[in-house]
Amino acid sequence: MKRWPEEETKVKVNRWTAGLAAVLAVIFAGAAHAAQLDTDARTAIPSNVQQIIVVDYHAMQNSPAAMDLKARILPPELKQLEVALQQSGFNENNDVDELAFAAFRVNGQSGVRTVGIAQGEFSLPDILANFKKEKIKPKMIRANALYPMGKSGMVVVFLNPTTMVFGSTDALKPALDARDGLAPNFLTNQTMLSEMSQVDSQALWSILDQQGTQFMMRGLLGQAAQLADYEQIRKRLLGSTYTMDFQNGVKFALQVQTPDTFTAATLSSLLNAAAMYEKISGTPVEKQAIDSTTIDSSAGDLDVSYSSSDSQFSALLHSPLFQTVVK
């Protein structure tokens, strides 16, 4: 299933609700107050970013539905980073306020790199003193000190007392190149910055670039993505954003940007057709999920929203289809 929307991704699931689950699979927290990236964090993300996910980490603890979702479908890449954070000695429940993940491409290299960004009130003098006591020496990249995160194989660099970036050395190097001005950083990507401004007041949000959006929509459409109509509009998908809220039930909102009304309306028609087709053969839980989803278009945007109670969402997570998707 889709974890990060990479070029090599092959869509194996063709059903509507499976596609919805695929979109939800990159989400693992929710609700309360805004989760925003500070300037230091933004400069440590390369300009050629494919997806950013930002969550209010504390709010996750207050929602059983969010914890259930996280336990079942946290993507391996993100799980690896989270485990590294835990093994490094940080109490992510107390030390971390916001947690972000950024997937980006590196010029001249294949695949996608992923870094984690944690924001909070870190006792940096105590942390560095502990590293010194344990005789842990950092690896230096220019003036940046990279410390190992336990036995995870990951490393962490502190940008300031409230922001740290962590991940593999291969991922951190281009991130630090961007921060140090040796390569363009996220602040130069006006398209993605504009997308971020539309959603970063939410507790959980994500933005995707054009390629990421194309792969996400292929998974969401399922068999309908094989139709000629989709191939005609696929390259006209410009980008997308989504948010999720676990207060008073579960609410999911996806917006896909296209260049014109016709493209958005065509995409809406395809998605509605896929939903109706799957509703015919779906289980009661799957049918309920489809009934709880609204698909529409406005001007050049496709809008998809999903709303349910905690119990309905829990039933969807435990359905045989969802279990198949997340394996």
C-alpha atoms as a PDB file:
ATOM      1  CA  MET A   1       0.000   0.000   0.000  1.00  0.00           C
ATOM      2  CA  LYS A   2       1.104   3.546  -0.425  1.00  0.00           C
ATOM      3  CA  ARG A   3       3.263   4.779   2.383  1.00  0.00           C
ATOM      4  CA  TRP A   4       5.215   7.607   0.829  1.00  0.00           C
ATOM      5  CA  PRO A   5       4.167   8.427  -2.752  1.00  0.00           C
ATOM      6  CA  GLU A   6       7.358   7.272  -4.490  1.00  0.00           C
ATOM      7  CA  GLU A   7       7.968   6.811  -8.204  1.00  0.00           C
ATOM      8  CA  GLU A   8       8.574   3.096  -7.694  1.00  0.00           C
ATOM      9  CA  THR A   9       5.264   2.551  -5.917  1.00  0.00           C
ATOM     10  CA  LYS A  10       3.076  -0.098  -7.527  1.00  0.00           C
ATOM     11  CA  VAL A  11      -0.567   0.052  -6.621  1.00  0.00           C
ATOM     12  CA  LYS A  12      -1.725  -3.419  -5.616  1.00  0.00           C
ATOM     13  CA  VAL A  13      -5.146  -2.569  -4.227  1.00  0.00           C
ATOM     14  CA  ASN A  14      -7.935  -1.571  -6.606  1.00  0.00           C
ATOM     15  CA  ARG A  15     -10.934  -1.034  -4.390  1.00  0.00           C
ATOM     16  CA  TRP A  16     -12.389   2.312  -3.375  1.00  0.00           C
ATOM     17  CA  THR A  17     -12.266   1.868   0.384  1.00  0.00           C
ATOM     18  CA  ALA A  18      -8.794   0.394   0.091  1.00  0.00           C
ATOM     19  CA  GLY A  19      -7.766   3.580  -1.650  1.00  0.00           C
ATOM     20  CA  LEU A  20      -9.245   5.639   1.161  1.00  0.00           C
ATOM     21  CA  ALA A  21      -7.333   3.511   3.648  1.00  0.00           C
ATOM     22  CA  ALA A  22      -4.166   4.092   1.644  1.00  0.00           C
ATOM     23  CA  VAL A  23      -4.572   7.824   2.046  1.00  0.00           C
ATOM     24  CA  LEU A  24      -5.244   7.437   5.769  1.00  0.00           C
ATOM     25  CA  ALA A  25      -2.199   5.218   6.139  1.00  0.00           C
ATOM     26  CA  VAL A  26       0.194   8.146   6.338  1.00  0.00           C
ATOM     27  CA  ILE A  27      -1.785   9.696   9.206  1.00  0.00           C
ATOM     28  CA  PHE A  28      -1.256   8.737  12.833  1.00  0.00           C
ATOM     29  CA  ALA A  29      -2.302  11.621  15.110  1.00  0.00           C
ATOM     30  CA  GLY A  30      -4.904  14.288  15.414  1.00  0.00           C
ATOM     31  CA  ALA A  31      -6.798  17.111  17.096  1.00  0.00           C
ATOM     32  CA  ALA A  32      -6.378  20.080  19.483  1.00  0.00           C
ATOM     33  CA  HIS A  33      -4.162  22.930  18.367  1.00  0.00           C
ATOM     34  CA  ALA A  34      -2.157  23.903  15.307  1.00  0.00           C
ATOM     35  CA  ALA A  35       1.016  22.006  14.383  1.00  0.00           C
ATOM     36  CA  GLN A  36       3.362  24.419  12.622  1.00  0.00           C
ATOM     37  CA  LEU A  37       6.965  24.212  11.475  1.00  0.00           C
ATOM     38  CA  ASP A  38       9.328  26.928  12.662  1.00  0.00           C
ATOM     39  CA  THR A  39      11.735  28.669  10.292  1.00  0.00           C
ATOM     40  CA  ASP A  40      14.734  26.529  11.263  1.00  0.00           C
ATOM     41  CA  ALA A  41      12.750  23.381  10.531  1.00  0.00           C
ATOM     42  CA  ARG A  42      11.637  24.689   7.148  1.00  0.00           C
ATOM     43  CA  THR A  43      15.175  25.518   6.063  1.00  0.00           C
ATOM     44  CA  ALA A  44      16.261  21.936   6.849  1.00  0.00           C
ATOM     45  CA  ILE A  45      13.847  20.552   4.244  1.00  0.00           C
ATOM     46  CA  PRO A  46      15.227  20.490   0.677  1.00  0.00           C
ATOM     47  CA  SER A  47      13.257  22.393  -1.946  1.00  0.00           C
ATOM     48  CA  ASN A  48      12.540  19.277  -3.997  1.00  0.00           C
ATOM     49  CA  VAL A  49      10.162  17.949  -1.336  1.00  0.00           C
ATOM     50  CA  GLN A  50       7.532  15.390  -2.260  1.00  0.00           C
ATOM     51  CA  GLN A  51       5.503  15.221   0.957  1.00  0.00           C
ATOM     52  CA  ILE A  52       5.447  16.777   4.410  1.00  0.00           C
ATOM     53  CA  ILE A  53       3.365  15.454   7.305  1.00  0.00           C
ATOM     54  CA  VAL A  54       3.091  17.485  10.525  1.00  0.00           C
ATOM     55  CA  VAL A  55       1.215  16.403  13.650  1.00  0.00           C
ATOM     56  CA  ASP A  56       0.461  17.685  17.120  1.00  0.00           C
ATOM     57  CA  TYR A  57       2.139  14.837  18.980  1.00  0.00           C
ATOM     58  CA  HIS A  58       0.514  15.441  22.358  1.00  0.00           C
ATOM     59  CA  ALA A  59      -3.001  15.440  20.920  1.00  0.00           C
ATOM     60  CA  MET A  60      -2.482  11.911  19.641  1.00  0.00           C
ATOM     61  CA  GLN A  61      -2.409  10.623  23.215  1.00  0.00           C
ATOM     62  CA  ASN A  62      -5.919  11.967  23.842  1.00  0.00           C
ATOM     63  CA  SER A  63      -7.619  10.010  21.074  1.00  0.00           C
ATOM     64  CA  PRO A  64      -8.093   6.198  21.207  1.00  0.00           C
ATOM     65  CA  ALA A  65      -9.030   6.299  17.518  1.00  0.00           C
ATOM     66  CA  ALA A  66      -5.762   8.040  16.652  1.00  0.00           C
ATOM     67  CA  MET A  67      -3.739   5.569  18.709  1.00  0.00           C
ATOM     68  CA  ASP A  68      -5.540   2.636  17.099  1.00  0.00           C
ATOM     69  CA  LEU A  69      -4.849   4.020  13.633  1.00  0.00           C
ATOM     70  CA  LYS A  70      -1.209   4.649  14.485  1.00  0.00           C
ATOM     71  CA  ALA A  71      -0.713   1.125  15.846  1.00  0.00           C
ATOM     72  CA  ARG A  72      -2.180  -0.501  12.746  1.00  0.00           C
ATOM     73  CA  ILE A  73      -0.819   1.449   9.826  1.00  0.00           C
ATOM     74  CA  LEU A  74       2.184   3.571  10.783  1.00  0.00           C
ATOM     75  CA  PRO A  75       4.364   3.294   7.637  1.00  0.00           C
ATOM     76  CA  PRO A  76       7.679   1.469   8.118  1.00  0.00           C
ATOM     77  CA  GLU A  77       9.732   4.555   7.258  1.00  0.00           C
ATOM     78  CA  LEU A  78       8.013   6.611   9.934  1.00  0.00           C
ATOM     79  CA  LYS A  79       8.013   3.775  12.469  1.00  0.00           C
ATOM     80  CA  GLN A  80      11.753   3.429  12.055  1.00  0.00           C
ATOM     81  CA  LEU A  81      12.246   7.122  12.777  1.00  0.00           C
ATOM     82  CA  GLU A  82       9.915   7.027  15.777  1.00  0.00           C
ATOM     83  CA  VAL A  83      11.719   4.006  17.242  1.00  0.00           C
ATOM     84  CA  ALA A  84      15.011   5.839  16.769  1.00  0.00           C
ATOM     85  CA  LEU A  85      13.586   8.776  18.712  1.00  0.00           C
ATOM     86  CA  GLN A  86      12.592   6.474  21.564  1.00  0.00           C
ATOM     87  CA  GLN A  87      15.923   4.642  21.624  1.00  0.00           C
ATOM     88  CA  SER A  88      17.833   7.902  21.810  1.00  0.00           C
ATOM     89  CA  GLY A  89      16.484   8.483  25.321  1.00  0.00           C
ATOM     90  CA  PHE A  90      13.883  11.134  24.551  1.00  0.00           C
ATOM     91  CA  ASN A  91      10.451  10.907  26.106  1.00  0.00           C
ATOM     92  CA  GLU A  92       8.459  11.711  22.975  1.00  0.00           C
ATOM     93  CA  ASN A  93       5.253  12.034  25.013  1.00  0.00           C
ATOM     94  CA  ASN A  94       6.732  14.842  27.142  1.00  0.00           C
ATOM     95  CA  ASP A  95       9.640  16.334  25.193  1.00  0.00           C
ATOM     96  CA  VAL A  96       8.076  16.506  21.727  1.00  0.00           C
ATOM     97  CA  ASP A  97       5.277  18.949  20.897  1.00  0.00           C
ATOM     98  CA  GLU A  98       5.180  18.602  17.114  1.00  0.00           C
ATOM     99  CA  LEU A  99       6.559  15.828  14.960  1.00  0.00           C
ATOM    100  CA  ALA A 100       7.056  16.170  11.218  1.00  0.00           C
ATOM    101  CA  PHE A 101       8.261  13.912   8.436  1.00  0.00           C
ATOM    102  CA  ALA A 102       9.540  15.170   5.108  1.00  0.00           C
ATOM    103  CA  ALA A 103      10.145  13.035   2.011  1.00  0.00           C
ATOM    104  CA  PHE A 104      12.259  14.638  -0.684  1.00  0.00           C
ATOM    105  CA  ARG A 105      14.190  13.829  -3.832  1.00  0.00           C
ATOM    106  CA  VAL A 106      17.908  14.457  -4.250  1.00  0.00           C
ATOM    107  CA  ASN A 107      19.099  15.647  -7.638  1.00  0.00           C
ATOM    108  CA  GLY A 108      20.997  12.959  -9.505  1.00  0.00           C
ATOM    109  CA  GLN A 109      19.904  10.199  -7.127  1.00  0.00           C
ATOM    110  CA  SER A 110      17.040   7.746  -7.360  1.00  0.00           C
ATOM    111  CA  GLY A 111      14.398   7.231  -4.726  1.00  0.00           C
ATOM    112  CA  VAL A 112      13.196   9.439  -1.909  1.00  0.00           C
ATOM    113  CA  ARG A 113      14.948  10.393   1.347  1.00  0.00           C
ATOM    114  CA  THR A 114      13.007  10.870   4.591  1.00  0.00           C
ATOM    115  CA  VAL A 115      13.889  12.922   7.667  1.00  0.00           C
ATOM    116  CA  GLY A 116      12.034  13.446  10.917  1.00  0.00           C
ATOM    117  CA  ILE A 117      11.770  16.836  12.588  1.00  0.00           C
ATOM    118  CA  ALA A 118      10.870  17.148  16.260  1.00  0.00           C
ATOM    119  CA  GLN A 119       9.918  20.420  17.926  1.00  0.00           C
ATOM    120  CA  GLY A 120       9.566  20.890  21.659  1.00  0.00           C
ATOM    121  CA  GLU A 121      11.276  22.131  24.805  1.00  0.00           C
ATOM    122  CA  PHE A 122      14.479  20.094  24.879  1.00  0.00           C
ATOM    123  CA  SER A 123      16.988  20.397  27.715  1.00  0.00           C
ATOM    124  CA  LEU A 124      19.884  20.695  25.302  1.00  0.00           C
ATOM    125  CA  PRO A 125      22.646  21.276  27.911  1.00  0.00           C
ATOM    126  CA  ASP A 126      21.590  18.140  29.783  1.00  0.00           C
ATOM    127  CA  ILE A 127      21.371  16.125  26.566  1.00  0.00           C
ATOM    128  CA  LEU A 128      24.847  17.193  25.433  1.00  0.00           C
ATOM    129  CA  ALA A 129      26.245  16.598  28.912  1.00  0.00           C
ATOM    130  CA  ASN A 130      24.874  13.053  28.827  1.00  0.00           C
ATOM    131  CA  PHE A 131      26.457  12.460  25.414  1.00  0.00           C
ATOM    132  CA  LYS A 132      29.781  13.639  26.848  1.00  0.00           C
ATOM    133  CA  LYS A 133      29.402  11.462  29.937  1.00  0.00           C
ATOM    134  CA  GLU A 134      28.755   8.422  27.736  1.00  0.00           C
ATOM    135  CA  LYS A 135      31.805   9.394  25.637  1.00  0.00           C
ATOM    136  CA  ILE A 136      29.627   9.717  22.551  1.00  0.00           C
ATOM    137  CA  LYS A 137      31.420  11.794  19.956  1.00  0.00           C
ATOM    138  CA  PRO A 138      29.491  13.422  17.127  1.00  0.00           C
ATOM    139  CA  LYS A 139      30.175  13.116  13.445  1.00  0.00           C
ATOM    140  CA  MET A 140      30.631  16.569  11.980  1.00  0.00           C
ATOM    141  CA  ILE A 141      29.171  17.903   8.749  1.00  0.00           C
ATOM    142  CA  ARG A 142      30.651  21.376   8.609  1.00  0.00           C
ATOM    143  CA  ALA A 143      29.519  23.022  11.889  1.00  0.00           C
ATOM    144  CA  ASN A 144      26.701  20.518  12.417  1.00  0.00           C
ATOM    145  CA  ALA A 145      27.201  17.849  15.092  1.00  0.00           C
ATOM    146  CA  LEU A 146      25.414  14.556  14.328  1.00  0.00           C
ATOM    147  CA  TYR A 147      24.913  12.267  17.330  1.00  0.00           C
ATOM    148  CA  PRO A 148      23.926   8.579  17.128  1.00  0.00           C
ATOM    149  CA  MET A 149      20.395   7.742  18.306  1.00  0.00           C
ATOM    150  CA  GLY A 150      21.016   4.688  20.452  1.00  0.00           C
ATOM    151  CA  LYS A 151      21.424   1.510  18.433  1.00  0.00           C
ATOM    152  CA  SER A 152      18.920   2.518  15.771  1.00  0.00           C
ATOM    153  CA  GLY A 153      21.538   3.460  13.191  1.00  0.00           C
ATOM    154  CA  MET A 154      19.958   6.907  12.953  1.00  0.00           C
ATOM    155  CA  VAL A 155      21.590  10.212  13.851  1.00  0.00           C
ATOM    156  CA  VAL A 156      20.231  13.493  15.217  1.00  0.00           C
ATOM    157  CA  VAL A 157      21.329  17.103  14.862  1.00  0.00           C
ATOM    158  CA  PHE A 158      20.056  19.972  17.020  1.00  0.00           C
ATOM    159  CA  LEU A 159      19.267  23.087  15.015  1.00  0.00           C
ATOM    160  CA  ASN A 160      18.423  25.030  18.180  1.00  0.00           C
ATOM    161  CA  PRO A 161      17.142  24.200  21.710  1.00  0.00           C
ATOM    162  CA  THR A 162      13.627  23.596  20.358  1.00  0.00           C
ATOM    163  CA  THR A 163      14.217  21.898  16.991  1.00  0.00           C
ATOM    164  CA  MET A 164      16.059  18.738  16.005  1.00  0.00           C
ATOM    165  CA  VAL A 165      16.296  16.798  12.757  1.00  0.00           C
ATOM    166  CA  PHE A 166      16.903  13.059  12.689  1.00  0.00           C
ATOM    167  CA  GLY A 167      17.186  10.188  10.228  1.00  0.00           C
ATOM    168  CA  SER A 168      19.861   8.326   8.306  1.00  0.00           C
ATOM    169  CA  THR A 169      23.123  10.094   7.512  1.00  0.00           C
ATOM    170  CA  ASP A 170      22.273   9.842   3.802  1.00  0.00           C
ATOM    171  CA  ALA A 171      19.056  11.755   4.455  1.00  0.00           C
ATOM    172  CA  LEU A 172      20.493  14.310   6.885  1.00  0.00           C
ATOM    173  CA  LYS A 173      23.335  15.386   4.621  1.00  0.00           C
ATOM    174  CA  PRO A 174      21.098  16.889   1.883  1.00  0.00           C
ATOM    175  CA  ALA A 175      18.841  18.317   4.605  1.00  0.00           C
ATOM    176  CA  LEU A 176      21.821  20.107   6.178  1.00  0.00           C
ATOM    177  CA  ASP A 177      23.077  21.192   2.743  1.00  0.00           C
ATOM    178  CA  ALA A 178      19.711  22.905   2.299  1.00  0.00           C
ATOM    179  CA  ARG A 179      19.855  24.511   5.746  1.00  0.00           C
ATOM    180  CA  ASP A 180      23.428  25.739   5.239  1.00  0.00           C
ATOM    181  CA  GLY A 181      22.602  27.343   1.904  1.00  0.00           C
ATOM    182  CA  LEU A 182      24.507  24.864  -0.276  1.00  0.00           C
ATOM    183  CA  ALA A 183      21.271  23.750  -1.944  1.00  0.00           C
ATOM    184  CA  PRO A 184      17.779  25.272  -2.280  1.00  0.00           C
ATOM    185  CA  ASN A 185      15.568  24.724   0.758  1.00  0.00           C
ATOM    186  CA  PHE A 186      11.816  24.516   1.274  1.00  0.00           C
ATOM    187  CA  LEU A 187      11.477  28.302   1.590  1.00  0.00           C
ATOM    188  CA  THR A 188      12.287  28.587  -2.138  1.00  0.00           C
ATOM    189  CA  ASN A 189       9.427  26.251  -3.137  1.00  0.00           C
ATOM    190  CA  GLN A 190       6.617  28.769  -3.537  1.00  0.00           C
ATOM    191  CA  THR A 191       4.096  26.170  -4.706  1.00  0.00           C
ATOM    192  CA  MET A 192       4.467  23.995  -1.626  1.00  0.00           C
ATOM    193  CA  LEU A 193       4.666  27.022   0.666  1.00  0.00           C
ATOM    194  CA  SER A 194       1.336  28.166  -0.711  1.00  0.00           C
ATOM    195  CA  GLU A 195      -0.150  24.726  -0.069  1.00  0.00           C
ATOM    196  CA  MET A 196       1.181  24.746   3.485  1.00  0.00           C
ATOM    197  CA  SER A 197      -0.381  28.122   4.266  1.00  0.00           C
ATOM    198  CA  GLN A 198      -3.812  26.622   3.553  1.00  0.00           C
ATOM    199  CA  VAL A 199      -3.547  23.858   6.165  1.00  0.00           C
ATOM    200  CA  ASP A 200      -0.858  24.570   8.777  1.00  0.00           C
ATOM    201  CA  SER A 201      -3.369  26.013  11.215  1.00  0.00           C
ATOM    202  CA  GLN A 202      -4.644  22.446  11.712  1.00  0.00           C
ATOM    203  CA  ALA A 203      -3.440  19.946  14.298  1.00  0.00           C
ATOM    204  CA  LEU A 204      -2.592  17.407  11.602  1.00  0.00           C
ATOM    205  CA  TRP A 205      -1.805  18.283   8.022  1.00  0.00           C
ATOM    206  CA  SER A 206       0.070  17.095   4.989  1.00  0.00           C
ATOM    207  CA  ILE A 207       1.044  18.542   1.631  1.00  0.00           C
ATOM    208  CA  LEU A 208       2.045  16.628  -1.510  1.00  0.00           C
ATOM    209  CA  ASP A 209       3.663  17.780  -4.729  1.00  0.00           C
ATOM    210  CA  GLN A 210       2.467  16.908  -8.214  1.00  0.00           C
ATOM    211  CA  GLN A 211       4.085  13.463  -8.453  1.00  0.00           C
ATOM    212  CA  GLY A 212       2.991  12.497  -4.968  1.00  0.00           C
ATOM    213  CA  THR A 213      -0.549  13.578  -5.745  1.00  0.00           C
ATOM    214  CA  GLN A 214      -0.644  11.545  -8.950  1.00  0.00           C
ATOM    215  CA  PHE A 215       0.325   8.332  -7.164  1.00  0.00           C
ATOM    216  CA  MET A 216      -2.033   9.009  -4.283  1.00  0.00           C
ATOM    217  CA  MET A 217      -4.965   9.552  -6.628  1.00  0.00           C
ATOM    218  CA  ARG A 218      -4.132   6.407  -8.595  1.00  0.00           C
ATOM    219  CA  GLY A 219      -4.428   4.410  -5.373  1.00  0.00           C
ATOM    220  CA  LEU A 220      -7.613   6.192  -4.353  1.00  0.00           C
ATOM    221  CA  LEU A 221      -9.284   5.626  -7.725  1.00  0.00           C
ATOM    222  CA  GLY A 222      -8.466   1.922  -7.866  1.00  0.00           C
ATOM    223  CA  GLN A 223      -9.726   0.315 -11.063  1.00  0.00           C
ATOM    224  CA  ALA A 224     -11.089   3.632 -12.277  1.00  0.00           C
ATOM    225  CA  ALA A 225      -7.483   4.808 -12.681  1.00  0.00           C
ATOM    226  CA  GLN A 226      -7.227   2.440 -15.672  1.00  0.00           C
ATOM    227  CA  LEU A 227      -9.790   4.468 -17.584  1.00  0.00           C
ATOM    228  CA  ALA A 228      -8.655   6.709 -20.419  1.00  0.00           C
ATOM    229  CA  ASP A 229     -10.220   9.726 -18.717  1.00  0.00           C
ATOM    230  CA  TYR A 230      -7.811   9.439 -15.806  1.00  0.00           C
ATOM    231  CA  GLU A 231      -4.748   9.149 -18.050  1.00  0.00           C
ATOM    232  CA  GLN A 232      -5.848  12.351 -19.772  1.00  0.00           C
ATOM    233  CA  ILE A 233      -6.066  14.293 -16.519  1.00  0.00           C
ATOM    234  CA  ARG A 234      -3.325  12.616 -14.468  1.00  0.00           C
ATOM    235  CA  LYS A 235      -0.648  15.093 -15.504  1.00  0.00           C
ATOM    236  CA  ARG A 236      -3.021  17.948 -14.766  1.00  0.00           C
ATOM    237  CA  LEU A 237      -3.053  17.190 -11.050  1.00  0.00           C
ATOM    238  CA  LEU A 238      -0.952  19.980  -9.552  1.00  0.00           C
ATOM    239  CA  GLY A 239      -0.724  19.121  -5.852  1.00  0.00           C
ATOM    240  CA  SER A 240      -2.820  18.264  -2.831  1.00  0.00           C
ATOM    241  CA  THR A 241      -3.334  18.794   0.886  1.00  0.00           C
ATOM    242  CA  TYR A 242      -5.145  16.880   3.580  1.00  0.00           C
ATOM    243  CA  THR A 243      -6.012  17.263   7.228  1.00  0.00           C
ATOM    244  CA  MET A 244      -7.424  14.940   9.872  1.00  0.00           C
ATOM    245  CA  ASP A 245      -9.194  15.688  13.141  1.00  0.00           C
ATOM    246  CA  PHE A 246     -10.098  13.233  15.909  1.00  0.00           C
ATOM    247  CA  GLN A 247     -12.177  15.584  18.046  1.00  0.00           C
ATOM    248  CA  ASN A 248     -15.842  14.591  18.257  1.00  0.00           C
ATOM    249  CA  GLY A 249     -15.436  11.640  15.921  1.00  0.00           C
ATOM    250  CA  VAL A 250     -13.107  11.343  12.952  1.00  0.00           C
ATOM    251  CA  LYS A 251     -12.923  13.941  10.180  1.00  0.00           C
ATOM    252  CA  PHE A 252     -10.723  13.720   7.097  1.00  0.00           C
ATOM    253  CA  ALA A 253     -10.474  16.357   4.353  1.00  0.00           C
ATOM    254  CA  LEU A 254      -8.539  16.070   1.098  1.00  0.00           C
ATOM    255  CA  GLN A 255      -8.183  18.794  -1.525  1.00  0.00           C
ATOM    256  CA  VAL A 256      -6.548  18.209  -4.912  1.00  0.00           C
ATOM    257  CA  GLN A 257      -5.566  21.213  -7.009  1.00  0.00           C
ATOM    258  CA  THR A 258      -6.049  21.171 -10.795  1.00  0.00           C
ATOM    259  CA  PRO A 259      -5.657  23.975 -13.369  1.00  0.00           C
ATOM    260  CA  ASP A 260      -9.327  24.290 -14.314  1.00  0.00           C
ATOM    261  CA  THR A 261     -12.945  23.496 -13.492  1.00  0.00           C
ATOM    262  CA  PHE A 262     -13.250  20.803 -16.175  1.00  0.00           C
ATOM    263  CA  THR A 263     -10.336  18.741 -14.810  1.00  0.00           C
ATOM    264  CA  ALA A 264     -11.635  18.925 -11.238  1.00  0.00           C
ATOM    265  CA  ALA A 265     -15.166  17.975 -12.334  1.00  0.00           C
ATOM    266  CA  THR A 266     -13.879  15.035 -14.400  1.00  0.00           C
ATOM    267  CA  LEU A 267     -11.822  13.767 -11.478  1.00  0.00           C
ATOM    268  CA  SER A 268     -14.836  14.117  -9.189  1.00  0.00           C
ATOM    269  CA  SER A 269     -16.964  12.098 -11.604  1.00  0.00           C
ATOM    270  CA  LEU A 270     -14.354   9.340 -11.809  1.00  0.00           C
ATOM    271  CA  LEU A 271     -14.050   9.149  -8.048  1.00  0.00           C
ATOM    272  CA  ASN A 272     -17.808   9.082  -7.517  1.00  0.00           C
ATOM    273  CA  ALA A 273     -18.129   6.329 -10.130  1.00  0.00           C
ATOM    274  CA  ALA A 274     -15.443   4.289  -8.370  1.00  0.00           C
ATOM    275  CA  ALA A 275     -17.244   4.729  -5.058  1.00  0.00           C
ATOM    276  CA  MET A 276     -20.614   3.640  -6.470  1.00  0.00           C
ATOM    277  CA  TYR A 277     -19.069   0.617  -8.162  1.00  0.00           C
ATOM    278  CA  GLU A 278     -17.420  -0.570  -4.964  1.00  0.00           C
ATOM    279  CA  LYS A 279     -20.539   0.078  -2.912  1.00  0.00           C
ATOM    280  CA  ILE A 280     -22.379  -2.599  -4.875  1.00  0.00           C
ATOM    281  CA  SER A 281     -20.096  -5.410  -3.686  1.00  0.00           C
ATOM    282  CA  GLY A 282     -18.802  -3.906  -0.441  1.00  0.00           C
ATOM    283  CA  THR A 283     -19.387  -5.193   3.084  1.00  0.00           C
ATOM    284  CA  PRO A 284     -21.690  -3.221   5.415  1.00  0.00           C
ATOM    285  CA  VAL A 285     -18.678  -1.523   7.021  1.00  0.00           C
ATOM    286  CA  GLU A 286     -17.259  -0.616   3.623  1.00  0.00           C
ATOM    287  CA  LYS A 287     -20.611   0.685   2.416  1.00  0.00           C
ATOM    288  CA  GLN A 288     -20.890   2.794   5.541  1.00  0.00           C
ATOM    289  CA  ALA A 289     -17.434   4.257   4.862  1.00  0.00           C
ATOM    290  CA  ILE A 290     -18.480   5.168   1.333  1.00  0.00           C
ATOM    291  CA  ASP A 291     -21.727   6.702   2.575  1.00  0.00           C
ATOM    292  CA  SER A 292     -19.686   8.779   5.011  1.00  0.00           C
ATOM    293  CA  THR A 293     -17.520  10.157   2.207  1.00  0.00           C
ATOM    294  CA  THR A 294     -18.448  13.237   0.155  1.00  0.00           C
ATOM    295  CA  ILE A 295     -16.799  13.894  -3.205  1.00  0.00           C
ATOM    296  CA  ASP A 296     -17.273  17.191  -5.010  1.00  0.00           C
ATOM    297  CA  SER A 297     -15.440  19.818  -7.035  1.00  0.00           C
ATOM    298  CA  SER A 298     -15.296  23.581  -6.759  1.00  0.00           C
ATOM    299  CA  ALA A 299     -13.618  25.751  -9.370  1.00  0.00           C
ATOM    300  CA  GLY A 300     -10.324  23.915  -9.992  1.00  0.00           C
ATOM    301  CA  ASP A 301     -10.282  21.860  -6.805  1.00  0.00           C
ATOM    302  CA  LEU A 302     -11.412  18.336  -6.010  1.00  0.00           C
ATOM    303  CA  ASP A 303     -12.737  18.073  -2.459  1.00  0.00           C
ATOM    304  CA  VAL A 304     -13.076  14.769  -0.596  1.00  0.00           C
ATOM    305  CA  SER A 305     -14.309  14.630   2.989  1.00  0.00           C
ATOM    306  CA  TYR A 306     -14.918  11.725   5.327  1.00  0.00           C
ATOM    307  CA  SER A 307     -16.691  11.914   8.670  1.00  0.00           C
ATOM    308  CA  SER A 308     -17.661   9.190  11.126  1.00  0.00           C
ATOM    309  CA  SER A 309     -18.029   8.384  14.797  1.00  0.00           C
ATOM    310  CA  ASP A 310     -15.133   6.815  16.692  1.00  0.00           C
ATOM    311  CA  SER A 311     -16.929   3.456  16.722  1.00  0.00           C
ATOM    312  CA  GLN A 312     -17.573   3.528  12.975  1.00  0.00           C
ATOM    313  CA  PHE A 313     -13.954   4.378  12.299  1.00  0.00           C
ATOM    314  CA  SER A 314     -12.806   1.601  14.636  1.00  0.00           C
ATOM    315  CA  ALA A 315     -14.997  -0.860  12.733  1.00  0.00           C
ATOM    316  CA  LEU A 316     -13.364   0.210   9.472  1.00  0.00           C
ATOM    317  CA  LEU A 317      -9.890  -0.319  10.975  1.00  0.00           C
ATOM    318  CA  HIS A 318     -10.884  -3.847  12.021  1.00  0.00           C
ATOM    319  CA  SER A 319     -12.560  -4.775   8.733  1.00  0.00           C
ATOM    320  CA  PRO A 320     -11.051  -7.608   6.628  1.00  0.00           C
ATOM    321  CA  LEU A 321     -10.467  -5.168   3.764  1.00  0.00           C
ATOM    322  CA  PHE A 322      -8.462  -2.793   5.925  1.00  0.00           C
ATOM    323  CA  GLN A 323      -6.423  -5.681   7.309  1.00  0.00           C
ATOM    324  CA  THR A 324      -5.615  -6.750   3.747  1.00  0.00           C
ATOM    325  CA  VAL A 325      -4.586  -3.263   2.777  1.00  0.00           C
ATOM    326  CA  VAL A 326      -2.207  -2.654   5.661  1.00  0.00           C
ATOM    327  CA  LYS A 327      -0.299  -5.924   5.354  1.00  0.00           C
END
